[in-house]
Amino acid sequence: MIPYASEREFAGLAAVAEQAGWDHVFTWEAVWGQDAWVTLAAAAMATERIRLGTLLTPAARHRPWDLASKVASVDRLSNGRVTLGVGLGALHGNWLAFEADEGRAVRARRLDEGLAVYAGLMAGQPFEYTGEHYSARPVTQLVPPPPVQTPHPPVWCVGLLVPGRDRQRSLERAARWQGVLPAVAGGSLDDPGSRLTHDALRDIVARITALRADAGVSMHGYDVVVEGDSHGDFGTTRPPVAAWAEAGATWWVESWWDLPDDPAGRAETRRRLELGPPR
């Protein structure tokens, strides 16, 4: 996860990461700011192997046809190397300066509908959808080519475990898609550190396994993504990586949000990337 870099810098750092043996590189999305998908498109043209994605896209605030267009474009440019990470999004000043908070429940319904439209459009025409927030009719003019990955580039969803609650709607959503970004409720804007533990991860994986089994789907190829920091002081999720794998993780993402947004921070990002992944 590269926290701070211009579009050109990100593309260059993605190439460094690919050369050093990393498997995936991520950017993030602001409401007003650098466009994540333009940035990933630049990285797609500078790399050949490494996967590209977002951590994360607040999909509830995107028109799903716009998001599907961007993701599919980068998937074609990269020859099928895109992953879409989604969640409700964390409210902050860059968001609230332009858009009022509709509340978590509304954002959750928008997210579910938006992903349904995303998947439907990616699968091809004719596609029709009618929901509370979005609708779509079959398109016969100017239909774009399909993405490289079928039926669509994979979607990783935040899966928030709420301790003490019987029904876990966030985990239900994550179980319907291709991966989970596991989290445990209890953090705050002032103290955003991860509440994820090895035992909590085992619980999340067990619940998702059961949900997918009920739907007649196995865990084969399903991604469980733990975001940590082997170098700095961001969060509390720490190596050894093997302990998280034993608890059910299939991906370990290095996130270095404590690095400064300046030339020194970019130099340190490059240094860490050149070290290669902690395997």
C-alpha atoms as a PDB file:
ATOM      1  CA  MET A   1       0.000   0.000   0.000  1.00  0.00           C
ATOM      2  CA  ILE A   2       1.673   3.211  -1.205  1.00  0.00           C
ATOM      3  CA  PRO A   3       0.104   6.019   0.811  1.00  0.00           C
ATOM      4  CA  TYR A   4       1.582   9.142  -0.777  1.00  0.00           C
ATOM      5  CA  ALA A   5       2.817   9.510  -4.348  1.00  0.00           C
ATOM      6  CA  SER A   6       1.850  11.489  -7.422  1.00  0.00           C
ATOM      7  CA  GLU A   7       0.557   9.625 -10.444  1.00  0.00           C
ATOM      8  CA  ARG A   8       4.017   9.482 -12.023  1.00  0.00           C
ATOM      9  CA  GLU A   9       5.696   8.600  -8.737  1.00  0.00           C
ATOM     10  CA  PHE A  10       3.196   5.799  -8.101  1.00  0.00           C
ATOM     11  CA  ALA A  11       3.809   4.308 -11.540  1.00  0.00           C
ATOM     12  CA  GLY A  12       7.546   4.381 -10.910  1.00  0.00           C
ATOM     13  CA  LEU A  13       7.194   2.846  -7.453  1.00  0.00           C
ATOM     14  CA  ALA A  14       4.923   0.124  -8.862  1.00  0.00           C
ATOM     15  CA  ALA A  15       7.706  -0.786 -11.291  1.00  0.00           C
ATOM     16  CA  VAL A  16      10.186  -0.877  -8.385  1.00  0.00           C
ATOM     17  CA  ALA A  17       7.821  -3.144  -6.453  1.00  0.00           C
ATOM     18  CA  GLU A  18       7.436  -5.480  -9.415  1.00  0.00           C
ATOM     19  CA  GLN A  19      11.203  -5.728  -9.838  1.00  0.00           C
ATOM     20  CA  ALA A  20      11.630  -6.493  -6.125  1.00  0.00           C
ATOM     21  CA  GLY A  21       9.141  -9.360  -6.224  1.00  0.00           C
ATOM     22  CA  TRP A  22       5.994  -7.878  -4.676  1.00  0.00           C
ATOM     23  CA  ASP A  23       2.717  -9.433  -5.805  1.00  0.00           C
ATOM     24  CA  HIS A  24       0.313  -6.503  -5.513  1.00  0.00           C
ATOM     25  CA  VAL A  25       0.440  -2.719  -5.156  1.00  0.00           C
ATOM     26  CA  PHE A  26      -2.420  -0.522  -3.948  1.00  0.00           C
ATOM     27  CA  THR A  27      -3.518   3.074  -3.944  1.00  0.00           C
ATOM     28  CA  TRP A  28      -6.461   4.728  -2.190  1.00  0.00           C
ATOM     29  CA  GLU A  29      -9.311   7.076  -3.043  1.00  0.00           C
ATOM     30  CA  ALA A  30     -10.190  10.554  -1.854  1.00  0.00           C
ATOM     31  CA  VAL A  31     -13.418  12.376  -2.696  1.00  0.00           C
ATOM     32  CA  TRP A  32     -11.511  15.347  -4.098  1.00  0.00           C
ATOM     33  CA  GLY A  33      -7.949  14.593  -5.135  1.00  0.00           C
ATOM     34  CA  GLN A  34      -5.784  12.323  -7.190  1.00  0.00           C
ATOM     35  CA  ASP A  35      -7.879   9.897  -9.234  1.00  0.00           C
ATOM     36  CA  ALA A  36      -7.060   6.364  -8.131  1.00  0.00           C
ATOM     37  CA  TRP A  37      -7.963   4.768 -11.449  1.00  0.00           C
ATOM     38  CA  VAL A  38      -5.919   7.197 -13.526  1.00  0.00           C
ATOM     39  CA  THR A  39      -3.037   6.454 -11.160  1.00  0.00           C
ATOM     40  CA  LEU A  40      -3.512   2.706 -11.561  1.00  0.00           C
ATOM     41  CA  ALA A  41      -3.767   3.110 -15.345  1.00  0.00           C
ATOM     42  CA  ALA A  42      -0.360   4.799 -15.321  1.00  0.00           C
ATOM     43  CA  ALA A  43       1.028   1.946 -13.228  1.00  0.00           C
ATOM     44  CA  ALA A  44      -0.502  -0.605 -15.612  1.00  0.00           C
ATOM     45  CA  MET A  45       1.525   0.867 -18.469  1.00  0.00           C
ATOM     46  CA  ALA A  46       4.742   0.783 -16.414  1.00  0.00           C
ATOM     47  CA  THR A  47       4.440  -2.843 -15.230  1.00  0.00           C
ATOM     48  CA  GLU A  48       3.800  -6.318 -16.636  1.00  0.00           C
ATOM     49  CA  ARG A  49       3.152  -8.733 -13.761  1.00  0.00           C
ATOM     50  CA  ILE A  50       2.235  -7.069 -10.475  1.00  0.00           C
ATOM     51  CA  ARG A  51      -1.444  -6.771  -9.577  1.00  0.00           C
ATOM     52  CA  LEU A  52      -3.005  -3.336  -9.074  1.00  0.00           C
ATOM     53  CA  GLY A  53      -5.838  -2.281  -6.805  1.00  0.00           C
ATOM     54  CA  THR A  54      -7.472   0.043  -4.308  1.00  0.00           C
ATOM     55  CA  LEU A  55      -7.525  -0.032  -0.514  1.00  0.00           C
ATOM     56  CA  LEU A  56     -10.054   1.100  -0.651  1.00  0.00           C
ATOM     57  CA  THR A  57     -12.794   2.465  -2.896  1.00  0.00           C
ATOM     58  CA  PRO A  58     -15.837   3.933  -1.073  1.00  0.00           C
ATOM     59  CA  ALA A  59     -18.074   2.401  -3.718  1.00  0.00           C
ATOM     60  CA  ALA A  60     -21.290   3.732  -2.178  1.00  0.00           C
ATOM     61  CA  ARG A  61     -20.431   7.234  -3.404  1.00  0.00           C
ATOM     62  CA  HIS A  62     -19.673   6.145  -6.989  1.00  0.00           C
ATOM     63  CA  ARG A  63     -22.212   5.744  -9.741  1.00  0.00           C
ATOM     64  CA  PRO A  64     -21.708   2.028 -10.398  1.00  0.00           C
ATOM     65  CA  TRP A  65     -21.546   2.395 -14.204  1.00  0.00           C
ATOM     66  CA  ASP A  66     -18.798   4.991 -13.814  1.00  0.00           C
ATOM     67  CA  LEU A  67     -16.875   2.709 -11.459  1.00  0.00           C
ATOM     68  CA  ALA A  68     -17.344  -0.302 -13.745  1.00  0.00           C
ATOM     69  CA  SER A  69     -16.042   1.737 -16.687  1.00  0.00           C
ATOM     70  CA  LYS A  70     -12.888   2.764 -14.825  1.00  0.00           C
ATOM     71  CA  VAL A  71     -12.138  -0.670 -13.397  1.00  0.00           C
ATOM     72  CA  ALA A  72     -12.679  -2.408 -16.727  1.00  0.00           C
ATOM     73  CA  SER A  73     -10.465   0.113 -18.522  1.00  0.00           C
ATOM     74  CA  VAL A  74      -7.579  -0.508 -16.132  1.00  0.00           C
ATOM     75  CA  ASP A  75      -8.187  -4.257 -16.311  1.00  0.00           C
ATOM     76  CA  ARG A  76      -7.801  -4.132 -20.088  1.00  0.00           C
ATOM     77  CA  LEU A  77      -4.738  -1.879 -19.887  1.00  0.00           C
ATOM     78  CA  SER A  78      -3.090  -4.241 -17.399  1.00  0.00           C
ATOM     79  CA  ASN A  79      -4.159  -7.421 -19.206  1.00  0.00           C
ATOM     80  CA  GLY A  80      -6.230  -8.589 -16.246  1.00  0.00           C
ATOM     81  CA  ARG A  81      -4.353  -7.480 -13.121  1.00  0.00           C
ATOM     82  CA  VAL A  82      -6.942  -5.412 -11.222  1.00  0.00           C
ATOM     83  CA  THR A  83      -8.512  -5.954  -7.807  1.00  0.00           C
ATOM     84  CA  LEU A  84     -11.268  -3.674  -6.503  1.00  0.00           C
ATOM     85  CA  GLY A  85     -11.209  -3.177  -2.728  1.00  0.00           C
ATOM     86  CA  VAL A  86     -14.450  -1.691  -1.398  1.00  0.00           C
ATOM     87  CA  GLY A  87     -16.049  -0.570   1.830  1.00  0.00           C
ATOM     88  CA  LEU A  88     -18.422   2.030   3.205  1.00  0.00           C
ATOM     89  CA  GLY A  89     -15.525   4.479   3.463  1.00  0.00           C
ATOM     90  CA  ALA A  90     -14.213   6.424   6.451  1.00  0.00           C
ATOM     91  CA  LEU A  91     -15.822   9.831   6.846  1.00  0.00           C
ATOM     92  CA  HIS A  92     -13.354  12.728   6.963  1.00  0.00           C
ATOM     93  CA  GLY A  93     -13.109  16.377   6.069  1.00  0.00           C
ATOM     94  CA  ASN A  94     -12.264  15.733   2.414  1.00  0.00           C
ATOM     95  CA  TRP A  95     -15.573  13.858   2.109  1.00  0.00           C
ATOM     96  CA  LEU A  96     -17.876  15.989   4.256  1.00  0.00           C
ATOM     97  CA  ALA A  97     -16.749  19.240   2.613  1.00  0.00           C
ATOM     98  CA  PHE A  98     -18.639  18.107  -0.507  1.00  0.00           C
ATOM     99  CA  GLU A  99     -21.156  15.438   0.442  1.00  0.00           C
ATOM    100  CA  ALA A 100     -23.374  15.069   3.495  1.00  0.00           C
ATOM    101  CA  ASP A 101     -23.257  11.791   5.390  1.00  0.00           C
ATOM    102  CA  GLU A 102     -26.338   9.767   4.517  1.00  0.00           C
ATOM    103  CA  GLY A 103     -25.673   7.363   7.368  1.00  0.00           C
ATOM    104  CA  ARG A 104     -24.112   3.900   7.439  1.00  0.00           C
ATOM    105  CA  ALA A 105     -27.374   2.096   6.640  1.00  0.00           C
ATOM    106  CA  VAL A 106     -27.926   4.093   3.429  1.00  0.00           C
ATOM    107  CA  ARG A 107     -24.285   3.734   2.400  1.00  0.00           C
ATOM    108  CA  ALA A 108     -24.518  -0.016   2.991  1.00  0.00           C
ATOM    109  CA  ARG A 109     -27.567  -0.342   0.736  1.00  0.00           C
ATOM    110  CA  ARG A 110     -25.895   1.800  -1.919  1.00  0.00           C
ATOM    111  CA  LEU A 111     -22.794  -0.382  -1.715  1.00  0.00           C
ATOM    112  CA  ASP A 112     -24.764  -3.600  -2.184  1.00  0.00           C
ATOM    113  CA  GLU A 113     -26.746  -2.196  -5.102  1.00  0.00           C
ATOM    114  CA  GLY A 114     -23.666  -0.641  -6.662  1.00  0.00           C
ATOM    115  CA  LEU A 115     -21.773  -3.929  -6.589  1.00  0.00           C
ATOM    116  CA  ALA A 116     -24.747  -5.730  -8.125  1.00  0.00           C
ATOM    117  CA  VAL A 117     -24.750  -3.243 -11.018  1.00  0.00           C
ATOM    118  CA  TYR A 118     -20.945  -3.438 -11.311  1.00  0.00           C
ATOM    119  CA  ALA A 119     -21.039  -7.216 -11.663  1.00  0.00           C
ATOM    120  CA  GLY A 120     -24.003  -7.140 -14.024  1.00  0.00           C
ATOM    121  CA  LEU A 121     -22.420  -4.646 -16.400  1.00  0.00           C
ATOM    122  CA  MET A 122     -19.109  -6.488 -16.377  1.00  0.00           C
ATOM    123  CA  ALA A 123     -20.853  -9.732 -17.339  1.00  0.00           C
ATOM    124  CA  GLY A 124     -22.191  -8.175 -20.552  1.00  0.00           C
ATOM    125  CA  GLN A 125     -25.451  -7.235 -22.187  1.00  0.00           C
ATOM    126  CA  PRO A 126     -28.369  -7.491 -21.944  1.00  0.00           C
ATOM    127  CA  PHE A 127     -28.391  -6.411 -18.290  1.00  0.00           C
ATOM    128  CA  GLU A 128     -31.264  -4.896 -16.363  1.00  0.00           C
ATOM    129  CA  TYR A 129     -31.531  -3.817 -12.742  1.00  0.00           C
ATOM    130  CA  THR A 130     -34.046  -1.993 -10.571  1.00  0.00           C
ATOM    131  CA  GLY A 131     -33.169  -1.026  -7.015  1.00  0.00           C
ATOM    132  CA  GLU A 132     -33.806   1.600  -4.388  1.00  0.00           C
ATOM    133  CA  HIS A 133     -30.878   3.777  -5.463  1.00  0.00           C
ATOM    134  CA  TYR A 134     -29.838   2.597  -8.938  1.00  0.00           C
ATOM    135  CA  SER A 135     -31.445   1.229 -12.061  1.00  0.00           C
ATOM    136  CA  ALA A 136     -30.143   0.097 -15.425  1.00  0.00           C
ATOM    137  CA  ARG A 137     -31.702  -0.923 -18.727  1.00  0.00           C
ATOM    138  CA  PRO A 138     -30.107  -3.015 -21.468  1.00  0.00           C
ATOM    139  CA  VAL A 139     -27.656  -1.079 -23.645  1.00  0.00           C
ATOM    140  CA  THR A 140     -27.385  -1.549 -27.400  1.00  0.00           C
ATOM    141  CA  GLN A 141     -25.255   1.470 -28.360  1.00  0.00           C
ATOM    142  CA  LEU A 142     -21.564   2.107 -27.654  1.00  0.00           C
ATOM    143  CA  VAL A 143     -21.254  -1.029 -25.540  1.00  0.00           C
ATOM    144  CA  PRO A 144     -17.664  -1.230 -24.193  1.00  0.00           C
ATOM    145  CA  PRO A 145     -15.519  -4.336 -24.551  1.00  0.00           C
ATOM    146  CA  PRO A 146     -15.489  -6.738 -21.596  1.00  0.00           C
ATOM    147  CA  PRO A 147     -12.777  -6.787 -18.945  1.00  0.00           C
ATOM    148  CA  VAL A 148     -10.004  -9.348 -19.254  1.00  0.00           C
ATOM    149  CA  GLN A 149     -10.899 -11.045 -15.971  1.00  0.00           C
ATOM    150  CA  THR A 150     -14.191 -12.896 -16.063  1.00  0.00           C
ATOM    151  CA  PRO A 151     -16.870 -12.565 -14.946  1.00  0.00           C
ATOM    152  CA  HIS A 152     -15.306  -9.357 -13.545  1.00  0.00           C
ATOM    153  CA  PRO A 153     -12.181  -8.143 -11.735  1.00  0.00           C
ATOM    154  CA  PRO A 154     -12.329  -9.552  -8.187  1.00  0.00           C
ATOM    155  CA  VAL A 155     -13.923  -7.571  -5.393  1.00  0.00           C
ATOM    156  CA  TRP A 156     -12.526  -7.533  -1.856  1.00  0.00           C
ATOM    157  CA  CYS A 157     -14.997  -6.196   0.719  1.00  0.00           C
ATOM    158  CA  VAL A 158     -14.412  -4.894   4.206  1.00  0.00           C
ATOM    159  CA  GLY A 159     -15.826  -7.476   6.590  1.00  0.00           C
ATOM    160  CA  LEU A 160     -16.435  -5.814   9.947  1.00  0.00           C
ATOM    161  CA  LEU A 161     -17.024  -8.181  12.864  1.00  0.00           C
ATOM    162  CA  VAL A 162     -19.234  -6.549  15.496  1.00  0.00           C
ATOM    163  CA  PRO A 163     -18.631  -8.439  18.765  1.00  0.00           C
ATOM    164  CA  GLY A 164     -21.802  -9.629  20.456  1.00  0.00           C
ATOM    165  CA  ARG A 165     -24.054  -9.251  17.420  1.00  0.00           C
ATOM    166  CA  ASP A 166     -25.776 -12.357  16.067  1.00  0.00           C
ATOM    167  CA  ARG A 167     -26.186 -11.252  12.472  1.00  0.00           C
ATOM    168  CA  GLN A 168     -23.071  -9.893  10.794  1.00  0.00           C
ATOM    169  CA  ARG A 169     -24.266  -8.072   7.670  1.00  0.00           C
ATOM    170  CA  SER A 170     -20.791  -6.818   6.766  1.00  0.00           C
ATOM    171  CA  LEU A 171     -19.445 -10.383   6.768  1.00  0.00           C
ATOM    172  CA  GLU A 172     -22.455 -11.521   4.745  1.00  0.00           C
ATOM    173  CA  ARG A 173     -21.526  -8.968   2.074  1.00  0.00           C
ATOM    174  CA  ALA A 174     -17.876 -10.004   2.043  1.00  0.00           C
ATOM    175  CA  ALA A 175     -18.850 -13.673   1.737  1.00  0.00           C
ATOM    176  CA  ARG A 176     -20.752 -12.939  -1.489  1.00  0.00           C
ATOM    177  CA  TRP A 177     -17.676 -11.600  -3.281  1.00  0.00           C
ATOM    178  CA  GLN A 178     -14.085 -12.725  -3.832  1.00  0.00           C
ATOM    179  CA  GLY A 179     -12.293 -11.608  -0.692  1.00  0.00           C
ATOM    180  CA  VAL A 180     -12.534 -10.008   2.724  1.00  0.00           C
ATOM    181  CA  LEU A 181     -10.645  -7.157   4.331  1.00  0.00           C
ATOM    182  CA  PRO A 182     -11.244  -8.254   7.932  1.00  0.00           C
ATOM    183  CA  ALA A 183     -11.750  -5.759  10.725  1.00  0.00           C
ATOM    184  CA  VAL A 184     -13.182  -5.694  14.224  1.00  0.00           C
ATOM    185  CA  ALA A 185     -15.466  -2.908  15.439  1.00  0.00           C
ATOM    186  CA  GLY A 186     -14.229  -0.732  18.262  1.00  0.00           C
ATOM    187  CA  GLY A 187     -11.871   1.790  16.697  1.00  0.00           C
ATOM    188  CA  SER A 188     -12.439   5.510  16.331  1.00  0.00           C
ATOM    189  CA  LEU A 189     -11.172   8.424  14.254  1.00  0.00           C
ATOM    190  CA  ASP A 190      -8.945   9.436  17.163  1.00  0.00           C
ATOM    191  CA  ASP A 191      -7.691   5.898  17.720  1.00  0.00           C
ATOM    192  CA  PRO A 192      -7.994   4.044  14.387  1.00  0.00           C
ATOM    193  CA  GLY A 193      -5.629   1.180  15.206  1.00  0.00           C
ATOM    194  CA  SER A 194      -6.704  -2.295  14.164  1.00  0.00           C
ATOM    195  CA  ARG A 195      -8.682  -4.372  16.679  1.00  0.00           C
ATOM    196  CA  LEU A 196      -7.948  -7.463  14.629  1.00  0.00           C
ATOM    197  CA  THR A 197      -6.313 -10.338  16.504  1.00  0.00           C
ATOM    198  CA  HIS A 198      -5.419 -13.855  15.428  1.00  0.00           C
ATOM    199  CA  ASP A 199      -8.455 -15.237  17.271  1.00  0.00           C
ATOM    200  CA  ALA A 200     -10.741 -12.612  15.735  1.00  0.00           C
ATOM    201  CA  LEU A 201      -9.432 -13.490  12.286  1.00  0.00           C
ATOM    202  CA  ARG A 202     -10.140 -17.172  12.884  1.00  0.00           C
ATOM    203  CA  ASP A 203     -13.668 -16.231  13.928  1.00  0.00           C
ATOM    204  CA  ILE A 204     -14.186 -14.094  10.809  1.00  0.00           C
ATOM    205  CA  VAL A 205     -12.856 -16.811   8.497  1.00  0.00           C
ATOM    206  CA  ALA A 206     -15.038 -19.457  10.170  1.00  0.00           C
ATOM    207  CA  ARG A 207     -18.146 -17.297   9.782  1.00  0.00           C
ATOM    208  CA  ILE A 208     -17.426 -16.538   6.127  1.00  0.00           C
ATOM    209  CA  THR A 209     -16.695 -20.202   5.443  1.00  0.00           C
ATOM    210  CA  ALA A 210     -20.095 -21.105   6.896  1.00  0.00           C
ATOM    211  CA  LEU A 211     -21.880 -18.353   4.960  1.00  0.00           C
ATOM    212  CA  ARG A 212     -20.327 -19.477   1.690  1.00  0.00           C
ATOM    213  CA  ALA A 213     -21.108 -23.111   2.435  1.00  0.00           C
ATOM    214  CA  ASP A 214     -24.759 -22.177   3.011  1.00  0.00           C
ATOM    215  CA  ALA A 215     -24.707 -20.540  -0.432  1.00  0.00           C
ATOM    216  CA  GLY A 216     -23.115 -23.621  -1.980  1.00  0.00           C
ATOM    217  CA  VAL A 217     -19.756 -21.931  -2.553  1.00  0.00           C
ATOM    218  CA  SER A 218     -16.378 -23.140  -1.298  1.00  0.00           C
ATOM    219  CA  MET A 219     -13.472 -21.082   0.007  1.00  0.00           C
ATOM    220  CA  HIS A 220     -11.302 -22.167  -2.936  1.00  0.00           C
ATOM    221  CA  GLY A 221      -9.696 -19.061  -4.402  1.00  0.00           C
ATOM    222  CA  TYR A 222     -11.216 -16.795  -1.766  1.00  0.00           C
ATOM    223  CA  ASP A 223      -8.882 -14.099  -0.421  1.00  0.00           C
ATOM    224  CA  VAL A 224      -8.474 -13.121   3.240  1.00  0.00           C
ATOM    225  CA  VAL A 225      -6.432  -9.920   3.369  1.00  0.00           C
ATOM    226  CA  VAL A 226      -4.608  -8.700   6.475  1.00  0.00           C
ATOM    227  CA  GLU A 227      -3.120  -5.206   6.411  1.00  0.00           C
ATOM    228  CA  GLY A 228      -0.101  -4.692   8.654  1.00  0.00           C
ATOM    229  CA  ASP A 229       3.192  -2.883   9.115  1.00  0.00           C
ATOM    230  CA  SER A 230       6.579  -4.560   9.416  1.00  0.00           C
ATOM    231  CA  HIS A 231       8.598  -1.334   9.501  1.00  0.00           C
ATOM    232  CA  GLY A 232       6.941   1.609  11.212  1.00  0.00           C
ATOM    233  CA  ASP A 233       4.363   2.430  13.838  1.00  0.00           C
ATOM    234  CA  PHE A 234       1.106   2.333  11.872  1.00  0.00           C
ATOM    235  CA  GLY A 235      -1.566   0.322  13.667  1.00  0.00           C
ATOM    236  CA  THR A 236      -1.031  -2.705  15.844  1.00  0.00           C
ATOM    237  CA  THR A 237      -1.137  -5.535  13.277  1.00  0.00           C
ATOM    238  CA  ARG A 238       2.391  -6.906  13.256  1.00  0.00           C
ATOM    239  CA  PRO A 239       4.453  -9.805  11.944  1.00  0.00           C
ATOM    240  CA  PRO A 240       5.309 -12.626  12.052  1.00  0.00           C
ATOM    241  CA  VAL A 241       3.330 -13.028   8.872  1.00  0.00           C
ATOM    242  CA  ALA A 242       3.156 -16.809   9.301  1.00  0.00           C
ATOM    243  CA  ALA A 243       0.981 -16.425  12.407  1.00  0.00           C
ATOM    244  CA  TRP A 244      -1.642 -14.553  10.378  1.00  0.00           C
ATOM    245  CA  ALA A 245      -1.490 -17.168   7.635  1.00  0.00           C
ATOM    246  CA  GLU A 246      -2.108 -19.850  10.230  1.00  0.00           C
ATOM    247  CA  ALA A 247      -5.171 -17.895  11.386  1.00  0.00           C
ATOM    248  CA  GLY A 248      -6.571 -17.913   7.840  1.00  0.00           C
ATOM    249  CA  ALA A 249      -4.992 -14.996   5.958  1.00  0.00           C
ATOM    250  CA  THR A 250      -4.046 -15.511   2.315  1.00  0.00           C
ATOM    251  CA  TRP A 251      -2.589 -12.008   1.734  1.00  0.00           C
ATOM    252  CA  TRP A 252      -0.390  -9.784   3.877  1.00  0.00           C
ATOM    253  CA  VAL A 253      -0.459  -6.132   2.783  1.00  0.00           C
ATOM    254  CA  GLU A 254       2.246  -3.793   4.038  1.00  0.00           C
ATOM    255  CA  SER A 255       0.715  -0.364   4.819  1.00  0.00           C
ATOM    256  CA  TRP A 256       3.019   2.489   5.749  1.00  0.00           C
ATOM    257  CA  TRP A 257       0.644   5.323   6.609  1.00  0.00           C
ATOM    258  CA  ASP A 258       3.008   6.771   9.189  1.00  0.00           C
ATOM    259  CA  LEU A 259       5.465   7.861   6.477  1.00  0.00           C
ATOM    260  CA  PRO A 260       5.463  11.614   5.767  1.00  0.00           C
ATOM    261  CA  ASP A 261       3.957  13.023   2.600  1.00  0.00           C
ATOM    262  CA  ASP A 262       7.222  14.542   1.362  1.00  0.00           C
ATOM    263  CA  PRO A 263      10.362  13.552  -0.602  1.00  0.00           C
ATOM    264  CA  ALA A 264      11.843  11.833   2.449  1.00  0.00           C
ATOM    265  CA  GLY A 265       8.702   9.710   2.798  1.00  0.00           C
ATOM    266  CA  ARG A 266       8.821   8.716  -0.843  1.00  0.00           C
ATOM    267  CA  ALA A 267      12.487   7.781  -0.541  1.00  0.00           C
ATOM    268  CA  GLU A 268      11.692   5.587   2.440  1.00  0.00           C
ATOM    269  CA  THR A 269       8.794   3.981   0.549  1.00  0.00           C
ATOM    270  CA  ARG A 270      11.172   3.159  -2.282  1.00  0.00           C
ATOM    271  CA  ARG A 271      13.748   1.752   0.146  1.00  0.00           C
ATOM    272  CA  ARG A 272      11.166  -0.541   1.734  1.00  0.00           C
ATOM    273  CA  LEU A 273       9.866  -1.683  -1.637  1.00  0.00           C
ATOM    274  CA  GLU A 274      13.373  -2.504  -2.801  1.00  0.00           C
ATOM    275  CA  LEU A 275      13.790  -4.820   0.213  1.00  0.00           C
ATOM    276  CA  GLY A 276      11.091  -7.051  -1.227  1.00  0.00           C
ATOM    277  CA  PRO A 277       8.120  -8.644   0.533  1.00  0.00           C
ATOM    278  CA  PRO A 278       8.434 -10.246   3.999  1.00  0.00           C
ATOM    279  CA  ARG A 279       7.897 -13.891   3.069  1.00  0.00           C
END
